[in-house]
Amino acid sequence: MKRPVQLTLWERFRLWLAAPQPIERLALARIVLPLVLLAFQSSRLIHADEWLSPHGFRVPYLGGDDWRQPLYIPPVPVGVAWAVAVAITLSGLSLSLGLFTRLSAGLFGTLLAYVALADRLEAFTVSKMGPMLALALCLSPSGARYGIDAWRRRRADPTAPVPTHVGGGVIRFFQIFLCAMYSGAGIAKLRGDWLNGDVLWSHLHDDYQTTISWLLLRTVPGWAWQGLQYLSLTFETAAPLWFALPWTRPIAVIAGLSMHALIGLMFGPVVWFALLMSTLLVVSYVPERWLLRLFRPLSSLS
């Protein structure tokens, strides 16, 4: 009797990395992520002339040898600024619809990278994540199902097999990235005042305060905010462990979605970051049966 083959740790990792994943995970990322990124950019896109052209405030060129300005991108003419705004909008919507998916994703990511570098004072976490996420969608078969490209292929050849899974690489990228974001944020907070100070409570008094956060401040006792602070710290710092273990993963998903819901409700403009992270969380870790149920009405179209 042959002894079972013992796989090395590296071989196990490679098998895990390449394990097929439901195509619905990738389709959900393609549909929702561009819409969130466009919503975040919308307040800038409607003022493209002041955003990217000389008509608005621009940080002056410091001569090219100043450490405070490692990269300088000059303003563009007003017409070009509006063309960039239109191209970002159309490419993002096309990507979400699955129309010319790979081309749309490449153009969308390139333009997002350009505007993030052109206006570094307004670059937010969402601005920096956007090009990377668009590139991941561009390099993956994100248009294989549930989009116009897939519908057109189905119409051209109704007998062609319908893909149900994709290689696990891009989904594993989202999963690892999400855990790294959480854990990195938690470690940074550990090095700050999150173990000793009333950081969360003080944040609620900042410029991002909303009506909901004001009402909560008046009704929720101080010790509860301290508890939420420690709970958030525990969740984020050990996120790779919570999401790696099957029995803690559902609890981690609920905890993460709850945390982002509170962030979106209590910190005003940070709602777009909360929606982006919530989308990545659902794409990466929500049970497969839930995703299949969500996409069931679209199954006959692609």
C-alpha atoms as a PDB file:
ATOM      1  CA  MET A   1       0.000   0.000   0.000  1.00  0.00           C
ATOM      2  CA  LYS A   2       1.366   3.350  -1.079  1.00  0.00           C
ATOM      3  CA  ARG A   3       1.835   6.036   1.497  1.00  0.00           C
ATOM      4  CA  PRO A   4      -0.073   9.295   0.787  1.00  0.00           C
ATOM      5  CA  VAL A   5       2.027  12.002  -0.815  1.00  0.00           C
ATOM      6  CA  GLN A   6       3.028  14.647   1.686  1.00  0.00           C
ATOM      7  CA  LEU A   7       2.854  18.112   0.185  1.00  0.00           C
ATOM      8  CA  THR A   8       5.273  20.782   1.257  1.00  0.00           C
ATOM      9  CA  LEU A   9       4.032  24.045   2.711  1.00  0.00           C
ATOM     10  CA  TRP A  10       4.905  25.843  -0.520  1.00  0.00           C
ATOM     11  CA  GLU A  11       2.962  23.311  -2.608  1.00  0.00           C
ATOM     12  CA  ARG A  12      -0.064  23.696  -0.352  1.00  0.00           C
ATOM     13  CA  PHE A  13       0.122  27.468  -0.711  1.00  0.00           C
ATOM     14  CA  ARG A  14       0.283  27.196  -4.506  1.00  0.00           C
ATOM     15  CA  LEU A  15      -2.735  24.888  -4.579  1.00  0.00           C
ATOM     16  CA  TRP A  16      -4.649  27.279  -2.335  1.00  0.00           C
ATOM     17  CA  LEU A  17      -3.657  30.241  -4.478  1.00  0.00           C
ATOM     18  CA  ALA A  18      -4.814  28.628  -7.737  1.00  0.00           C
ATOM     19  CA  ALA A  19      -7.960  26.930  -6.407  1.00  0.00           C
ATOM     20  CA  PRO A  20     -10.939  27.845  -8.664  1.00  0.00           C
ATOM     21  CA  GLN A  21     -13.340  30.417  -7.240  1.00  0.00           C
ATOM     22  CA  PRO A  22     -16.985  31.133  -8.136  1.00  0.00           C
ATOM     23  CA  ILE A  23     -17.101  33.595 -10.989  1.00  0.00           C
ATOM     24  CA  GLU A  24     -19.778  35.513  -9.094  1.00  0.00           C
ATOM     25  CA  ARG A  25     -17.116  36.877  -6.752  1.00  0.00           C
ATOM     26  CA  LEU A  26     -15.250  38.464  -9.653  1.00  0.00           C
ATOM     27  CA  ALA A  27     -18.445  39.661 -11.323  1.00  0.00           C
ATOM     28  CA  LEU A  28     -19.606  41.388  -8.152  1.00  0.00           C
ATOM     29  CA  ALA A  29     -16.254  43.160  -7.866  1.00  0.00           C
ATOM     30  CA  ARG A  30     -16.469  44.293 -11.501  1.00  0.00           C
ATOM     31  CA  ILE A  31     -20.020  45.603 -11.127  1.00  0.00           C
ATOM     32  CA  VAL A  32     -19.794  47.420  -7.801  1.00  0.00           C
ATOM     33  CA  LEU A  33     -16.207  48.641  -7.375  1.00  0.00           C
ATOM     34  CA  PRO A  34     -16.228  51.056 -10.379  1.00  0.00           C
ATOM     35  CA  LEU A  35     -19.526  52.558  -9.214  1.00  0.00           C
ATOM     36  CA  VAL A  36     -18.136  53.241  -5.734  1.00  0.00           C
ATOM     37  CA  LEU A  37     -14.974  54.762  -7.205  1.00  0.00           C
ATOM     38  CA  LEU A  38     -17.020  56.967  -9.536  1.00  0.00           C
ATOM     39  CA  ALA A  39     -19.271  58.078  -6.687  1.00  0.00           C
ATOM     40  CA  PHE A  40     -16.197  59.045  -4.682  1.00  0.00           C
ATOM     41  CA  GLN A  41     -14.773  61.030  -7.617  1.00  0.00           C
ATOM     42  CA  SER A  42     -18.101  62.640  -8.555  1.00  0.00           C
ATOM     43  CA  SER A  43     -17.586  65.797  -6.463  1.00  0.00           C
ATOM     44  CA  ARG A  44     -14.324  66.378  -8.335  1.00  0.00           C
ATOM     45  CA  LEU A  45     -15.498  65.308 -11.774  1.00  0.00           C
ATOM     46  CA  ILE A  46     -18.250  67.947 -11.874  1.00  0.00           C
ATOM     47  CA  HIS A  47     -15.571  70.613 -11.340  1.00  0.00           C
ATOM     48  CA  ALA A  48     -12.965  69.172 -13.698  1.00  0.00           C
ATOM     49  CA  ASP A  49     -11.862  72.616 -14.916  1.00  0.00           C
ATOM     50  CA  GLU A  50     -10.941  73.757 -11.394  1.00  0.00           C
ATOM     51  CA  TRP A  51      -9.599  70.321 -10.501  1.00  0.00           C
ATOM     52  CA  LEU A  52      -7.118  69.659 -13.302  1.00  0.00           C
ATOM     53  CA  SER A  53      -6.677  72.903 -15.250  1.00  0.00           C
ATOM     54  CA  PRO A  54      -4.965  76.212 -14.333  1.00  0.00           C
ATOM     55  CA  HIS A  55      -8.377  77.708 -13.449  1.00  0.00           C
ATOM     56  CA  GLY A  56      -8.242  76.187  -9.962  1.00  0.00           C
ATOM     57  CA  PHE A  57      -5.612  76.148  -7.243  1.00  0.00           C
ATOM     58  CA  ARG A  58      -2.489  74.242  -8.128  1.00  0.00           C
ATOM     59  CA  VAL A  59       0.578  73.557  -6.005  1.00  0.00           C
ATOM     60  CA  PRO A  60       3.383  75.495  -7.740  1.00  0.00           C
ATOM     61  CA  TYR A  61       6.334  73.767  -9.318  1.00  0.00           C
ATOM     62  CA  LEU A  62       9.238  73.732  -6.859  1.00  0.00           C
ATOM     63  CA  GLY A  63      12.041  73.237  -9.350  1.00  0.00           C
ATOM     64  CA  GLY A  64      12.384  69.458  -9.555  1.00  0.00           C
ATOM     65  CA  ASP A  65      14.946  68.904  -6.799  1.00  0.00           C
ATOM     66  CA  ASP A  66      12.764  69.466  -3.729  1.00  0.00           C
ATOM     67  CA  TRP A  67      12.051  66.396  -1.585  1.00  0.00           C
ATOM     68  CA  ARG A  68       8.579  67.731  -0.862  1.00  0.00           C
ATOM     69  CA  GLN A  69       7.651  67.378  -4.542  1.00  0.00           C
ATOM     70  CA  PRO A  70       9.060  64.114  -5.915  1.00  0.00           C
ATOM     71  CA  LEU A  71       6.657  64.271  -8.860  1.00  0.00           C
ATOM     72  CA  TYR A  72       5.029  67.258 -10.502  1.00  0.00           C
ATOM     73  CA  ILE A  73       2.277  66.906 -13.101  1.00  0.00           C
ATOM     74  CA  PRO A  74       1.418  70.257 -14.724  1.00  0.00           C
ATOM     75  CA  PRO A  75      -2.186  71.371 -15.239  1.00  0.00           C
ATOM     76  CA  VAL A  76      -3.879  70.634 -18.532  1.00  0.00           C
ATOM     77  CA  PRO A  77      -6.080  72.855 -20.705  1.00  0.00           C
ATOM     78  CA  VAL A  78      -9.727  73.139 -19.701  1.00  0.00           C
ATOM     79  CA  GLY A  79     -10.906  71.066 -22.646  1.00  0.00           C
ATOM     80  CA  VAL A  80      -8.512  68.263 -21.769  1.00  0.00           C
ATOM     81  CA  ALA A  81      -9.649  68.373 -18.129  1.00  0.00           C
ATOM     82  CA  TRP A  82     -13.271  67.879 -19.144  1.00  0.00           C
ATOM     83  CA  ALA A  83     -12.256  65.131 -21.590  1.00  0.00           C
ATOM     84  CA  VAL A  84     -10.500  63.307 -18.732  1.00  0.00           C
ATOM     85  CA  ALA A  85     -13.616  63.632 -16.561  1.00  0.00           C
ATOM     86  CA  VAL A  86     -15.862  62.261 -19.323  1.00  0.00           C
ATOM     87  CA  ALA A  87     -13.433  59.416 -20.088  1.00  0.00           C
ATOM     88  CA  ILE A  88     -13.252  58.393 -16.401  1.00  0.00           C
ATOM     89  CA  THR A  89     -17.039  58.357 -16.163  1.00  0.00           C
ATOM     90  CA  LEU A  90     -17.620  56.413 -19.383  1.00  0.00           C
ATOM     91  CA  SER A  91     -14.848  53.875 -18.772  1.00  0.00           C
ATOM     92  CA  GLY A  92     -16.033  53.260 -15.192  1.00  0.00           C
ATOM     93  CA  LEU A  93     -19.626  52.741 -16.295  1.00  0.00           C
ATOM     94  CA  SER A  94     -18.519  50.497 -19.176  1.00  0.00           C
ATOM     95  CA  LEU A  95     -16.466  48.398 -16.783  1.00  0.00           C
ATOM     96  CA  SER A  96     -19.403  48.024 -14.424  1.00  0.00           C
ATOM     97  CA  LEU A  97     -21.654  46.972 -17.318  1.00  0.00           C
ATOM     98  CA  GLY A  98     -19.059  44.542 -18.668  1.00  0.00           C
ATOM     99  CA  LEU A  99     -18.775  46.378 -21.989  1.00  0.00           C
ATOM    100  CA  PHE A 100     -15.318  46.145 -23.630  1.00  0.00           C
ATOM    101  CA  THR A 101     -14.333  45.036 -20.155  1.00  0.00           C
ATOM    102  CA  ARG A 102     -10.571  44.721 -20.403  1.00  0.00           C
ATOM    103  CA  LEU A 103     -10.144  47.948 -22.373  1.00  0.00           C
ATOM    104  CA  SER A 104     -12.505  49.828 -20.052  1.00  0.00           C
ATOM    105  CA  ALA A 105     -10.698  48.569 -16.943  1.00  0.00           C
ATOM    106  CA  GLY A 106      -7.288  49.531 -18.334  1.00  0.00           C
ATOM    107  CA  LEU A 107      -8.424  53.032 -19.295  1.00  0.00           C
ATOM    108  CA  PHE A 108     -10.278  53.509 -16.012  1.00  0.00           C
ATOM    109  CA  GLY A 109      -7.280  52.469 -13.938  1.00  0.00           C
ATOM    110  CA  THR A 110      -4.864  54.620 -15.943  1.00  0.00           C
ATOM    111  CA  LEU A 111      -7.023  57.726 -15.572  1.00  0.00           C
ATOM    112  CA  LEU A 112      -7.582  57.113 -11.866  1.00  0.00           C
ATOM    113  CA  ALA A 113      -3.828  56.898 -11.390  1.00  0.00           C
ATOM    114  CA  TYR A 114      -3.369  60.131 -13.355  1.00  0.00           C
ATOM    115  CA  VAL A 115      -5.860  62.184 -11.313  1.00  0.00           C
ATOM    116  CA  ALA A 116      -4.498  60.807  -8.028  1.00  0.00           C
ATOM    117  CA  LEU A 117      -0.979  61.930  -8.989  1.00  0.00           C
ATOM    118  CA  ALA A 118      -2.107  65.200 -10.552  1.00  0.00           C
ATOM    119  CA  ASP A 119      -3.875  66.330  -7.374  1.00  0.00           C
ATOM    120  CA  ARG A 120      -1.921  64.783  -4.525  1.00  0.00           C
ATOM    121  CA  LEU A 121      -3.400  67.148  -1.913  1.00  0.00           C
ATOM    122  CA  GLU A 122      -6.831  65.592  -2.535  1.00  0.00           C
ATOM    123  CA  ALA A 123      -5.572  62.012  -2.806  1.00  0.00           C
ATOM    124  CA  PHE A 124      -7.436  59.861  -0.288  1.00  0.00           C
ATOM    125  CA  THR A 125      -7.177  56.152   0.500  1.00  0.00           C
ATOM    126  CA  VAL A 126      -9.877  55.449  -2.098  1.00  0.00           C
ATOM    127  CA  SER A 127      -7.883  57.432  -4.693  1.00  0.00           C
ATOM    128  CA  LYS A 128      -4.844  55.248  -4.098  1.00  0.00           C
ATOM    129  CA  MET A 129      -6.746  51.956  -4.064  1.00  0.00           C
ATOM    130  CA  GLY A 130      -8.724  52.674  -7.232  1.00  0.00           C
ATOM    131  CA  PRO A 131      -5.970  52.213  -9.875  1.00  0.00           C
ATOM    132  CA  MET A 132      -4.795  48.986  -8.242  1.00  0.00           C
ATOM    133  CA  LEU A 133      -8.300  47.496  -8.128  1.00  0.00           C
ATOM    134  CA  ALA A 134      -8.983  48.499 -11.727  1.00  0.00           C
ATOM    135  CA  LEU A 135      -5.711  46.878 -12.791  1.00  0.00           C
ATOM    136  CA  ALA A 136      -6.706  43.647 -11.016  1.00  0.00           C
ATOM    137  CA  LEU A 137      -9.995  43.641 -12.930  1.00  0.00           C
ATOM    138  CA  CYS A 138      -8.179  44.405 -16.187  1.00  0.00           C
ATOM    139  CA  LEU A 139      -5.793  41.463 -15.799  1.00  0.00           C
ATOM    140  CA  SER A 140      -8.574  39.023 -14.855  1.00  0.00           C
ATOM    141  CA  PRO A 141     -11.474  37.556 -16.873  1.00  0.00           C
ATOM    142  CA  SER A 142     -13.910  39.874 -15.091  1.00  0.00           C
ATOM    143  CA  GLY A 143     -16.108  40.183 -18.169  1.00  0.00           C
ATOM    144  CA  ALA A 144     -16.645  36.446 -18.606  1.00  0.00           C
ATOM    145  CA  ARG A 145     -20.105  36.486 -16.976  1.00  0.00           C
ATOM    146  CA  TYR A 146     -22.897  38.870 -16.050  1.00  0.00           C
ATOM    147  CA  GLY A 147     -22.072  41.665 -18.464  1.00  0.00           C
ATOM    148  CA  ILE A 148     -22.714  42.931 -21.981  1.00  0.00           C
ATOM    149  CA  ASP A 149     -19.602  41.235 -23.387  1.00  0.00           C
ATOM    150  CA  ALA A 150     -20.743  37.890 -21.969  1.00  0.00           C
ATOM    151  CA  TRP A 151     -24.277  38.421 -23.264  1.00  0.00           C
ATOM    152  CA  ARG A 152     -22.972  39.158 -26.754  1.00  0.00           C
ATOM    153  CA  ARG A 153     -20.804  36.022 -26.733  1.00  0.00           C
ATOM    154  CA  ARG A 154     -23.787  33.976 -25.616  1.00  0.00           C
ATOM    155  CA  ARG A 155     -25.896  35.408 -28.436  1.00  0.00           C
ATOM    156  CA  ALA A 156     -23.179  34.656 -30.999  1.00  0.00           C
ATOM    157  CA  ASP A 157     -22.766  31.041 -29.843  1.00  0.00           C
ATOM    158  CA  PRO A 158     -25.584  29.716 -27.596  1.00  0.00           C
ATOM    159  CA  THR A 159     -23.875  26.293 -27.403  1.00  0.00           C
ATOM    160  CA  ALA A 160     -20.655  27.642 -25.863  1.00  0.00           C
ATOM    161  CA  PRO A 161     -20.074  26.504 -22.278  1.00  0.00           C
ATOM    162  CA  VAL A 162     -20.927  29.060 -19.609  1.00  0.00           C
ATOM    163  CA  PRO A 163     -18.036  29.598 -17.166  1.00  0.00           C
ATOM    164  CA  THR A 164     -18.892  29.052 -13.522  1.00  0.00           C
ATOM    165  CA  HIS A 165     -15.447  29.458 -11.938  1.00  0.00           C
ATOM    166  CA  VAL A 166     -12.269  31.454 -12.459  1.00  0.00           C
ATOM    167  CA  GLY A 167      -8.694  30.863 -11.386  1.00  0.00           C
ATOM    168  CA  GLY A 168      -8.300  31.796  -7.767  1.00  0.00           C
ATOM    169  CA  GLY A 169      -5.467  34.295  -8.260  1.00  0.00           C
ATOM    170  CA  VAL A 170      -7.465  37.521  -8.451  1.00  0.00           C
ATOM    171  CA  ILE A 171      -9.830  36.540  -5.619  1.00  0.00           C
ATOM    172  CA  ARG A 172      -6.876  35.540  -3.454  1.00  0.00           C
ATOM    173  CA  PHE A 173      -5.388  38.942  -4.242  1.00  0.00           C
ATOM    174  CA  PHE A 174      -8.506  40.655  -2.906  1.00  0.00           C
ATOM    175  CA  GLN A 175      -8.529  38.410   0.164  1.00  0.00           C
ATOM    176  CA  ILE A 176      -4.858  38.921   1.014  1.00  0.00           C
ATOM    177  CA  PHE A 177      -5.040  42.637   0.321  1.00  0.00           C
ATOM    178  CA  LEU A 178      -8.047  43.038   2.601  1.00  0.00           C
ATOM    179  CA  CYS A 179      -6.377  41.200   5.484  1.00  0.00           C
ATOM    180  CA  ALA A 180      -3.173  43.204   4.968  1.00  0.00           C
ATOM    181  CA  MET A 181      -5.135  46.466   5.061  1.00  0.00           C
ATOM    182  CA  TYR A 182      -6.918  45.526   8.268  1.00  0.00           C
ATOM    183  CA  SER A 183      -3.830  44.163   9.992  1.00  0.00           C
ATOM    184  CA  GLY A 184      -1.651  47.085   8.935  1.00  0.00           C
ATOM    185  CA  ALA A 185      -4.214  49.560  10.251  1.00  0.00           C
ATOM    186  CA  GLY A 186      -4.461  47.662  13.529  1.00  0.00           C
ATOM    187  CA  ILE A 187      -0.687  47.551  14.020  1.00  0.00           C
ATOM    188  CA  ALA A 188      -0.449  51.286  13.298  1.00  0.00           C
ATOM    189  CA  LYS A 189      -3.140  51.938  15.907  1.00  0.00           C
ATOM    190  CA  LEU A 190      -1.284  49.790  18.437  1.00  0.00           C
ATOM    191  CA  ARG A 191       1.755  52.021  17.944  1.00  0.00           C
ATOM    192  CA  GLY A 192      -0.442  55.073  18.530  1.00  0.00           C
ATOM    193  CA  ASP A 193      -2.880  55.949  21.304  1.00  0.00           C
ATOM    194  CA  TRP A 194      -5.570  53.345  20.687  1.00  0.00           C
ATOM    195  CA  LEU A 195      -4.691  51.314  23.776  1.00  0.00           C
ATOM    196  CA  ASN A 196      -4.723  54.233  26.188  1.00  0.00           C
ATOM    197  CA  GLY A 197      -6.550  57.275  24.831  1.00  0.00           C
ATOM    198  CA  ASP A 198     -10.178  57.952  23.915  1.00  0.00           C
ATOM    199  CA  VAL A 199      -9.304  58.031  20.233  1.00  0.00           C
ATOM    200  CA  LEU A 200     -12.614  56.840  18.778  1.00  0.00           C
ATOM    201  CA  TRP A 201     -14.629  59.142  21.025  1.00  0.00           C
ATOM    202  CA  SER A 202     -12.466  62.130  20.049  1.00  0.00           C
ATOM    203  CA  HIS A 203     -12.718  61.303  16.333  1.00  0.00           C
ATOM    204  CA  LEU A 204     -16.485  61.719  16.552  1.00  0.00           C
ATOM    205  CA  HIS A 205     -16.002  65.424  17.347  1.00  0.00           C
ATOM    206  CA  ASP A 206     -13.921  66.060  14.221  1.00  0.00           C
ATOM    207  CA  ASP A 207     -14.863  67.806  10.970  1.00  0.00           C
ATOM    208  CA  TYR A 208     -16.404  64.601   9.593  1.00  0.00           C
ATOM    209  CA  GLN A 209     -19.084  64.530  12.295  1.00  0.00           C
ATOM    210  CA  THR A 210     -22.570  63.685  11.031  1.00  0.00           C
ATOM    211  CA  THR A 211     -26.009  64.063  12.599  1.00  0.00           C
ATOM    212  CA  ILE A 212     -25.945  60.375  13.487  1.00  0.00           C
ATOM    213  CA  SER A 213     -22.572  60.595  15.234  1.00  0.00           C
ATOM    214  CA  TRP A 214     -23.755  63.695  17.142  1.00  0.00           C
ATOM    215  CA  LEU A 215     -26.853  61.860  18.336  1.00  0.00           C
ATOM    216  CA  LEU A 216     -24.846  58.801  19.315  1.00  0.00           C
ATOM    217  CA  LEU A 217     -22.396  60.924  21.273  1.00  0.00           C
ATOM    218  CA  ARG A 218     -25.274  62.277  23.344  1.00  0.00           C
ATOM    219  CA  THR A 219     -26.809  58.875  24.073  1.00  0.00           C
ATOM    220  CA  VAL A 220     -24.047  56.232  24.177  1.00  0.00           C
ATOM    221  CA  PRO A 221     -21.947  56.216  27.395  1.00  0.00           C
ATOM    222  CA  GLY A 222     -18.221  56.804  27.208  1.00  0.00           C
ATOM    223  CA  TRP A 223     -17.260  53.315  28.306  1.00  0.00           C
ATOM    224  CA  ALA A 224     -19.127  51.883  25.292  1.00  0.00           C
ATOM    225  CA  TRP A 225     -16.949  53.901  22.895  1.00  0.00           C
ATOM    226  CA  GLN A 226     -13.875  52.586  24.679  1.00  0.00           C
ATOM    227  CA  GLY A 227     -15.196  49.047  24.217  1.00  0.00           C
ATOM    228  CA  LEU A 228     -15.832  49.619  20.499  1.00  0.00           C
ATOM    229  CA  GLN A 229     -12.314  51.002  20.198  1.00  0.00           C
ATOM    230  CA  TYR A 230     -10.774  47.864  21.687  1.00  0.00           C
ATOM    231  CA  LEU A 231     -13.096  45.636  19.639  1.00  0.00           C
ATOM    232  CA  SER A 232     -12.056  47.381  16.416  1.00  0.00           C
ATOM    233  CA  LEU A 233      -8.402  47.085  17.397  1.00  0.00           C
ATOM    234  CA  THR A 234      -8.755  43.354  18.093  1.00  0.00           C
ATOM    235  CA  PHE A 235     -10.599  42.721  14.831  1.00  0.00           C
ATOM    236  CA  GLU A 236      -8.159  44.624  12.632  1.00  0.00           C
ATOM    237  CA  THR A 237      -4.873  43.527  14.161  1.00  0.00           C
ATOM    238  CA  ALA A 238      -5.693  39.813  14.030  1.00  0.00           C
ATOM    239  CA  ALA A 239      -7.732  39.948  10.790  1.00  0.00           C
ATOM    240  CA  PRO A 240      -5.564  37.338   8.972  1.00  0.00           C
ATOM    241  CA  LEU A 241      -6.358  34.868  11.750  1.00  0.00           C
ATOM    242  CA  TRP A 242     -10.102  35.626  11.893  1.00  0.00           C
ATOM    243  CA  PHE A 243     -10.523  35.211   8.120  1.00  0.00           C
ATOM    244  CA  ALA A 244      -8.223  32.193   7.821  1.00  0.00           C
ATOM    245  CA  LEU A 245     -10.138  30.055  10.330  1.00  0.00           C
ATOM    246  CA  PRO A 246     -13.415  28.685   8.909  1.00  0.00           C
ATOM    247  CA  TRP A 247     -15.258  28.883  12.250  1.00  0.00           C
ATOM    248  CA  THR A 248     -14.368  32.537  12.870  1.00  0.00           C
ATOM    249  CA  ARG A 249     -14.780  33.739   9.268  1.00  0.00           C
ATOM    250  CA  PRO A 250     -18.587  34.310   9.356  1.00  0.00           C
ATOM    251  CA  ILE A 251     -18.251  36.284  12.586  1.00  0.00           C
ATOM    252  CA  ALA A 252     -15.398  38.303  11.057  1.00  0.00           C
ATOM    253  CA  VAL A 253     -17.528  39.135   7.999  1.00  0.00           C
ATOM    254  CA  ILE A 254     -20.368  40.381  10.195  1.00  0.00           C
ATOM    255  CA  ALA A 255     -17.955  42.324  12.400  1.00  0.00           C
ATOM    256  CA  GLY A 256     -16.263  43.921   9.402  1.00  0.00           C
ATOM    257  CA  LEU A 257     -19.518  44.930   7.719  1.00  0.00           C
ATOM    258  CA  SER A 258     -20.831  46.346  10.998  1.00  0.00           C
ATOM    259  CA  MET A 259     -17.642  48.333  11.519  1.00  0.00           C
ATOM    260  CA  HIS A 260     -17.790  49.822   8.025  1.00  0.00           C
ATOM    261  CA  ALA A 261     -21.488  50.611   8.406  1.00  0.00           C
ATOM    262  CA  LEU A 262     -20.713  52.621  11.540  1.00  0.00           C
ATOM    263  CA  ILE A 263     -17.777  54.335   9.825  1.00  0.00           C
ATOM    264  CA  GLY A 264     -19.966  55.327   6.881  1.00  0.00           C
ATOM    265  CA  LEU A 265     -22.756  56.625   9.114  1.00  0.00           C
ATOM    266  CA  MET A 266     -20.578  58.510  11.589  1.00  0.00           C
ATOM    267  CA  PHE A 267     -17.749  59.969   9.510  1.00  0.00           C
ATOM    268  CA  GLY A 268     -19.363  61.781   6.591  1.00  0.00           C
ATOM    269  CA  PRO A 269     -17.156  61.665   3.454  1.00  0.00           C
ATOM    270  CA  VAL A 270     -15.493  58.439   4.628  1.00  0.00           C
ATOM    271  CA  VAL A 271     -18.679  56.657   3.493  1.00  0.00           C
ATOM    272  CA  TRP A 272     -17.040  55.891   0.123  1.00  0.00           C
ATOM    273  CA  PHE A 273     -14.097  54.199   1.809  1.00  0.00           C
ATOM    274  CA  ALA A 274     -16.550  52.211   3.944  1.00  0.00           C
ATOM    275  CA  LEU A 275     -18.498  51.114   0.862  1.00  0.00           C
ATOM    276  CA  LEU A 276     -15.317  50.160  -0.991  1.00  0.00           C
ATOM    277  CA  MET A 277     -14.033  48.030   1.887  1.00  0.00           C
ATOM    278  CA  SER A 278     -17.475  46.475   2.431  1.00  0.00           C
ATOM    279  CA  THR A 279     -17.587  45.483  -1.241  1.00  0.00           C
ATOM    280  CA  LEU A 280     -14.150  43.866  -1.026  1.00  0.00           C
ATOM    281  CA  LEU A 281     -15.244  42.077   2.144  1.00  0.00           C
ATOM    282  CA  VAL A 282     -18.364  40.652   0.491  1.00  0.00           C
ATOM    283  CA  VAL A 283     -16.474  39.737  -2.687  1.00  0.00           C
ATOM    284  CA  SER A 284     -13.738  37.970  -0.742  1.00  0.00           C
ATOM    285  CA  TYR A 285     -15.426  36.168   2.109  1.00  0.00           C
ATOM    286  CA  VAL A 286     -19.224  36.003   1.891  1.00  0.00           C
ATOM    287  CA  PRO A 287     -20.391  32.358   1.535  1.00  0.00           C
ATOM    288  CA  GLU A 288     -20.702  31.104  -2.024  1.00  0.00           C
ATOM    289  CA  ARG A 289     -24.370  30.170  -1.675  1.00  0.00           C
ATOM    290  CA  TRP A 290     -25.266  33.776  -0.869  1.00  0.00           C
ATOM    291  CA  LEU A 291     -23.527  35.032  -4.015  1.00  0.00           C
ATOM    292  CA  LEU A 292     -25.210  32.400  -6.198  1.00  0.00           C
ATOM    293  CA  ARG A 293     -28.579  33.464  -4.821  1.00  0.00           C
ATOM    294  CA  LEU A 294     -27.771  37.116  -5.522  1.00  0.00           C
ATOM    295  CA  PHE A 295     -26.874  36.445  -9.169  1.00  0.00           C
ATOM    296  CA  ARG A 296     -29.628  33.910  -9.861  1.00  0.00           C
ATOM    297  CA  PRO A 297     -31.901  36.441 -11.661  1.00  0.00           C
ATOM    298  CA  LEU A 298     -29.047  37.258 -14.074  1.00  0.00           C
ATOM    299  CA  SER A 299     -28.042  33.677 -14.850  1.00  0.00           C
ATOM    300  CA  SER A 300     -30.186  33.451 -17.978  1.00  0.00           C
ATOM    301  CA  LEU A 301     -28.636  36.593 -19.451  1.00  0.00           C
ATOM    302  CA  SER A 302     -24.981  35.581 -19.470  1.00  0.00           C
END
